C-alpha cells in the first residue's frame, strides 16, 4: 500500500473519530495494525494528523477561543460564570499531571490492540451510565458551566489516557455526569482539546524529531490536510447528531468494533 493511500486512510480515520466519542487513538492503532503501519514513522505520522484535527476546532471555534482571553465576549453572558481561561486550566491540570507522570507506561504498555479493545468496552459502559443521569442536566450553555463542573470533566479526561477510552467520550460523559447537557459537554470537550492536544502532540513531535525524514513529507502533508478537512465536517455533523440522539448508539458502535477486533486478535 503506497504512502499516499495510507495517509488518506489514516487521516480520514483521525478526522472522523477525533471528536466523536469512539476513540481516534484506538481506531488508529487498530487500523495501523491491519495495514502493518506501526513503525516509528507511523507514530510520528499520528502526531501530525492529530494536529490537523485540532486545527479544525481552532477554525470552527475561533471566536469562542478568543473569548477566553477577553475578546469577542458575549455581554449577555457577562459575570463570574462566563466561560474563561480558568475553566480550561482547571480542567486541563489532572490529565496534564497524570499524563506526564505515566507517559512511558502508557506508550509502552497500553498502546496495543488488546488494551484498546478493553478501553473501547469500558468507555462504552461509562457513556451508557452517563446517559442514565442525563435528566439531571442543569447547565445548557458553556457560559453556565461552573468551575466545579470543569474540574470534574478534567478528572474524567484522565480516563482518556488509556487508548480506546476516547478523550471526547470521557469528557462528554463526565460533563453529563457533572450536570451539563450533551451539547455543552461536547463543546467544552472540543475547546479543552486545543491546549491538551497541542501540548501532548507538541511534546510527542519533539520526541519524534530523530525519526523525521524528507521522504516522508508527502505522507505527512496528505495526512494532515485530510484530517483537517474531514474533522471540519465531522464536528459539524456530530453536533447535529447530539441534538437528536444520546451517546448510547456510539457506545453500541464501540462494543461492535471491540468485538470485531477481539475476533481478529484471537484469529491472528
Protein backbone atom coordinates (compact mmCIF):
# COMPACT_ATOMS: atom_id res chain seq x y z
CA UNK A 1 0.00 0.00 0.00
CA UNK A 2 1.52 3.34 -1.04
CA UNK A 3 2.26 6.09 1.48
CA UNK A 4 -0.27 8.46 -0.09
CA UNK A 5 -3.12 5.97 0.24
CA UNK A 6 -2.12 5.22 3.83
CA UNK A 7 -2.01 8.96 4.50
CA UNK A 8 -5.52 9.47 3.15
CA UNK A 9 -6.99 6.48 5.00
CA UNK A 10 -5.37 7.25 8.34
CA UNK A 11 -6.04 10.99 8.00
CA UNK A 12 -9.72 10.31 7.30
CA UNK A 13 -9.97 7.95 10.28
CA UNK A 14 -8.38 10.57 12.53
CA UNK A 15 -10.68 13.33 11.27
CA UNK A 16 -13.81 11.21 11.62
CA UNK A 17 -13.06 9.85 15.09
CA UNK A 18 -11.06 12.51 16.97
CA UNK A 19 -14.10 14.40 18.25
CA UNK A 20 -16.67 11.61 18.21
CA UNK A 21 -16.81 9.51 21.41
CA UNK A 22 -15.34 6.42 19.75
CA UNK A 23 -11.56 6.84 20.37
CA UNK A 24 -9.44 8.12 17.50
CA UNK A 25 -6.26 6.69 19.05
CA UNK A 26 -7.90 3.31 19.34
CA UNK A 27 -9.03 3.37 15.72
CA UNK A 28 -5.60 4.48 14.51
CA UNK A 29 -3.85 1.73 16.46
CA UNK A 30 -6.24 -0.90 15.14
CA UNK A 31 -6.11 0.44 11.56
CA UNK A 32 -2.33 0.69 11.68
CA UNK A 33 -2.16 -2.90 12.86
CA UNK A 34 -4.34 -4.05 9.97
CA UNK A 35 -2.21 -2.16 7.41
CA UNK A 36 1.08 -3.10 9.13
CA UNK A 37 1.77 0.61 9.59
CA UNK A 38 3.34 0.52 13.06
CA UNK A 39 6.88 1.87 12.64
CA UNK A 40 8.40 4.95 14.28
CA UNK A 41 7.31 6.84 11.16
CA UNK A 42 3.73 5.75 11.87
CA UNK A 43 3.91 7.09 15.42
CA UNK A 44 5.23 10.44 14.18
CA UNK A 45 2.53 10.50 11.49
CA UNK A 46 -0.19 10.06 14.12
CA UNK A 47 1.10 13.15 15.91
CA UNK A 48 0.96 15.18 12.69
CA UNK A 49 -2.60 14.22 11.80
CA UNK A 50 -3.81 14.92 15.35
CA UNK A 51 -2.57 18.46 14.87
CA UNK A 52 -4.57 18.58 11.63
CA UNK A 53 -7.74 17.64 13.50
CA UNK A 54 -7.21 20.16 16.27
CA UNK A 55 -6.77 22.92 13.70
CA UNK A 56 -10.36 22.21 12.63
CA UNK A 57 -11.52 23.18 16.15
CA UNK A 58 -9.41 26.34 16.02
CA UNK A 59 -11.12 27.34 12.76
CA UNK A 60 -14.68 26.44 13.81
CA UNK A 61 -14.50 27.81 17.35
CA UNK A 62 -12.05 30.68 16.86
CA UNK A 63 -14.38 33.29 18.34
CA UNK A 64 -15.09 31.23 21.46
CA UNK A 65 -11.34 30.54 21.88
CA UNK A 66 -10.57 34.26 21.64
CA UNK A 67 -13.31 34.96 24.20
CA UNK A 68 -11.29 33.02 26.77
CA UNK A 69 -8.82 35.91 26.68
CA UNK A 70 -11.50 38.62 26.83
CA UNK A 71 -12.05 39.13 23.10
CA UNK A 72 -15.46 38.72 21.40
CA UNK A 73 -17.06 38.27 24.79
CA UNK A 74 -20.82 37.76 24.88
CA UNK A 75 -22.01 40.66 27.02
CA UNK A 76 -25.31 38.92 27.77
CA UNK A 77 -23.29 36.19 29.48
CA UNK A 78 -21.08 38.61 31.40
CA UNK A 79 -20.43 37.71 35.01
CA UNK A 80 -18.37 35.28 37.08
CA UNK A 81 -19.94 32.25 35.40
CA UNK A 82 -18.82 33.26 31.92
CA UNK A 83 -16.57 30.59 30.40
CA UNK A 84 -13.00 31.80 30.74
CA UNK A 85 -9.42 30.64 30.68
CA UNK A 86 -9.56 29.46 34.30
CA UNK A 87 -12.19 26.84 33.38
CA UNK A 88 -9.77 25.40 30.82
CA UNK A 89 -6.78 25.48 33.17
CA UNK A 90 -8.73 23.74 35.94
CA UNK A 91 -9.93 21.05 33.53
CA UNK A 92 -6.50 20.52 31.98
CA UNK A 93 -4.47 20.07 35.17
CA UNK A 94 -5.46 16.49 36.20
CA UNK A 95 -4.76 14.80 32.85
CA UNK A 96 -1.72 17.01 32.31
CA UNK A 97 -0.09 15.84 35.54
CA UNK A 98 -1.05 12.16 35.25
CA UNK A 99 -0.16 12.06 31.56
CA UNK A 100 3.29 13.50 32.24
CA UNK A 101 3.99 11.06 35.09
CA UNK A 102 2.74 7.95 33.28
CA UNK A 103 3.65 8.77 29.65
CA UNK A 104 6.22 5.99 29.22
CA UNK A 105 3.93 3.36 30.76
CA UNK A 106 1.05 4.44 28.53
CA UNK A 107 3.17 4.43 25.36
CA UNK A 108 4.96 1.16 26.11
CA UNK A 109 2.12 -0.87 27.61
CA UNK A 110 -1.33 0.48 26.78
CA UNK A 111 -0.74 1.34 23.10
CA UNK A 112 -1.64 -2.12 21.81
CA UNK A 113 -4.75 -3.56 20.12
CA UNK A 114 -5.52 -5.72 23.18
CA UNK A 115 -5.73 -2.79 25.59
CA UNK A 116 -7.59 -0.68 23.01
CA UNK A 117 -10.36 -3.30 22.89
CA UNK A 118 -10.66 -3.14 26.68
CA UNK A 119 -10.77 0.66 26.56
CA UNK A 120 -13.49 0.65 23.90
CA UNK A 121 -15.74 -1.54 26.03
CA UNK A 122 -15.07 0.30 29.30
CA UNK A 123 -15.63 3.68 27.64
CA UNK A 124 -18.93 2.49 26.17
CA UNK A 125 -20.14 1.39 29.59
CA UNK A 126 -19.21 4.81 31.02
CA UNK A 127 -21.21 6.58 28.30
CA UNK A 128 -24.31 4.47 28.95
CA UNK A 129 -24.00 5.17 32.68
CA UNK A 130 -23.74 8.92 31.97
CA UNK A 131 -26.90 8.85 29.87
CA UNK A 132 -28.83 7.38 32.79
CA UNK A 133 -28.06 10.61 34.65
CA UNK A 134 -28.78 12.95 31.74
CA UNK A 135 -32.13 14.05 33.16
CA UNK A 136 -30.22 15.87 35.93
CA UNK A 137 -28.69 18.33 33.45
CA UNK A 138 -28.77 21.96 34.56
CA UNK A 139 -26.04 23.70 32.55
CA UNK A 140 -27.30 24.20 29.00
CA UNK A 141 -24.65 26.55 27.67
CA UNK A 142 -20.91 27.00 28.05
CA UNK A 143 -21.46 30.23 29.95
CA UNK A 144 -23.42 28.37 32.64
CA UNK A 145 -20.61 25.92 33.33
CA UNK A 146 -19.15 26.14 36.83
CA UNK A 147 -15.53 25.68 37.86
CA UNK A 148 -16.51 22.51 39.71
CA UNK A 149 -18.04 21.07 36.53
CA UNK A 150 -14.88 21.97 34.59
CA UNK A 151 -12.73 20.21 37.21
CA UNK A 152 -14.99 17.14 37.14
CA UNK A 153 -14.67 16.96 33.36
CA UNK A 154 -10.91 17.26 33.81
CA UNK A 155 -10.92 14.26 36.14
CA UNK A 156 -12.84 12.18 33.61
CA UNK A 157 -10.40 13.29 30.92
CA UNK A 158 -7.74 11.29 32.78
CA UNK A 159 -9.51 8.12 31.60
CA UNK A 160 -8.72 9.07 28.01
CA UNK A 161 -5.03 8.47 28.69
CA UNK A 162 -5.99 4.80 28.25
CA UNK A 163 -6.20 4.31 24.45
CA UNK A 164 -9.70 3.25 23.49
CA UNK A 165 -11.50 5.22 26.21
CA UNK A 166 -11.70 8.29 23.94
CA UNK A 167 -10.90 11.80 25.09
CA UNK A 168 -14.19 13.20 23.81
CA UNK A 169 -16.14 10.22 25.10
CA UNK A 170 -14.66 10.55 28.59
CA UNK A 171 -15.10 14.32 28.79
CA UNK A 172 -18.60 14.41 27.31
CA UNK A 173 -19.70 11.63 29.67
CA UNK A 174 -18.01 13.48 32.53
CA UNK A 175 -19.82 16.67 31.59
CA UNK A 176 -23.20 14.92 31.59
CA UNK A 177 -22.46 13.32 34.97
CA UNK A 178 -21.45 16.76 36.28
CA UNK A 179 -24.81 18.22 35.21
CA UNK A 180 -24.17 19.74 31.77
CA UNK A 181 -26.21 18.78 28.71
CA UNK A 182 -24.67 16.88 25.79
CA UNK A 183 -24.17 19.90 23.53
CA UNK A 184 -22.46 21.93 26.26
CA UNK A 185 -20.31 18.97 27.29
CA UNK A 186 -19.27 18.36 23.68
CA UNK A 187 -18.40 22.00 23.01
CA UNK A 188 -16.35 22.20 26.20
CA UNK A 189 -14.62 18.96 25.19
CA UNK A 190 -13.67 20.46 21.81
CA UNK A 191 -12.32 23.66 23.33
CA UNK A 192 -10.43 21.79 26.05
CA UNK A 193 -8.88 19.63 23.34
CA UNK A 194 -6.99 22.57 21.84
CA UNK A 195 -4.44 23.14 24.65
CA UNK A 196 -4.37 19.47 25.65
CA UNK A 197 -3.67 18.16 22.16
CA UNK A 198 -1.28 20.94 21.21
CA UNK A 199 0.66 20.26 24.39
CA UNK A 200 0.71 16.48 24.10
CA UNK A 201 1.24 16.41 20.34
CA UNK A 202 3.90 19.11 20.53
CA UNK A 203 5.85 17.10 23.10
CA UNK A 204 5.43 13.88 21.10
CA UNK A 205 6.55 15.70 17.95
CA UNK A 206 9.70 16.90 19.74
CA UNK A 207 10.44 13.33 20.86
CA UNK A 208 9.86 12.10 17.29
CA UNK A 209 12.27 14.52 15.58
CA UNK A 210 15.00 11.85 15.20
CA UNK A 211 12.62 9.77 13.08
CA UNK A 212 11.63 12.53 10.63
CA UNK A 213 12.75 12.09 7.04
CA UNK A 214 12.28 14.32 4.00
CA UNK A 215 10.99 11.33 2.05
CA UNK A 216 8.05 11.08 4.47
CA UNK A 217 6.85 14.64 3.84
CA UNK A 218 4.19 13.66 1.23
CA UNK A 219 2.72 11.21 3.75
CA UNK A 220 2.62 13.84 6.50
CA UNK A 221 1.18 16.60 4.30
CA UNK A 222 -1.57 14.41 2.84
CA UNK A 223 -2.48 13.04 6.28
CA UNK A 224 -2.56 16.50 7.87
CA UNK A 225 -4.78 18.02 5.17
CA UNK A 226 -7.10 15.02 5.09
CA UNK A 227 -7.51 15.01 8.87
CA UNK A 228 -8.18 18.77 8.92
CA UNK A 229 -10.82 18.72 6.18
CA UNK A 230 -12.59 15.59 7.42
CA UNK A 231 -12.59 16.83 11.03
CA UNK A 232 -14.25 20.09 9.95
CA UNK A 233 -17.22 18.20 8.52
CA UNK A 234 -17.21 15.57 11.28
CA UNK A 235 -17.52 18.15 14.08
CA UNK A 236 -20.49 19.88 12.44
CA UNK A 237 -22.19 16.54 11.74
CA UNK A 238 -21.51 15.21 15.25
CA UNK A 239 -23.07 18.27 16.88
CA UNK A 240 -26.19 17.79 14.78
CA UNK A 241 -26.37 14.14 15.90
CA UNK A 242 -26.14 15.12 19.57
CA UNK A 243 -29.24 17.28 19.20
CA UNK A 244 -31.24 14.19 18.17
CA UNK A 245 -29.54 11.19 19.77
CA UNK A 246 -27.91 10.16 23.02
CA UNK A 247 -24.43 8.65 23.47
CA UNK A 248 -25.88 5.14 23.56
CA UNK A 249 -25.61 4.48 19.78
CA UNK A 250 -21.93 5.44 19.98
CA UNK A 251 -21.49 3.04 22.90
CA UNK A 252 -23.09 0.24 20.89
CA UNK A 253 -20.75 1.04 17.98
CA UNK A 254 -17.80 0.77 20.35
CA UNK A 255 -18.96 -2.67 21.53
CA UNK A 256 -19.28 -3.86 17.93
CA UNK A 257 -15.82 -2.59 16.93
CA UNK A 258 -14.32 -4.12 20.08
CA UNK A 259 -15.94 -7.49 19.29
CA UNK A 260 -14.75 -7.44 15.67
CA UNK A 261 -11.16 -6.71 16.62
CA UNK A 262 -11.23 -9.16 19.52
CA UNK A 263 -12.08 -11.87 16.98
CA UNK A 264 -9.31 -10.56 14.71
CA UNK A 265 -6.76 -10.65 17.54
CA UNK A 266 -7.77 -14.19 18.51
CA UNK A 267 -7.59 -15.36 14.90
CA UNK A 268 -4.20 -13.70 14.39
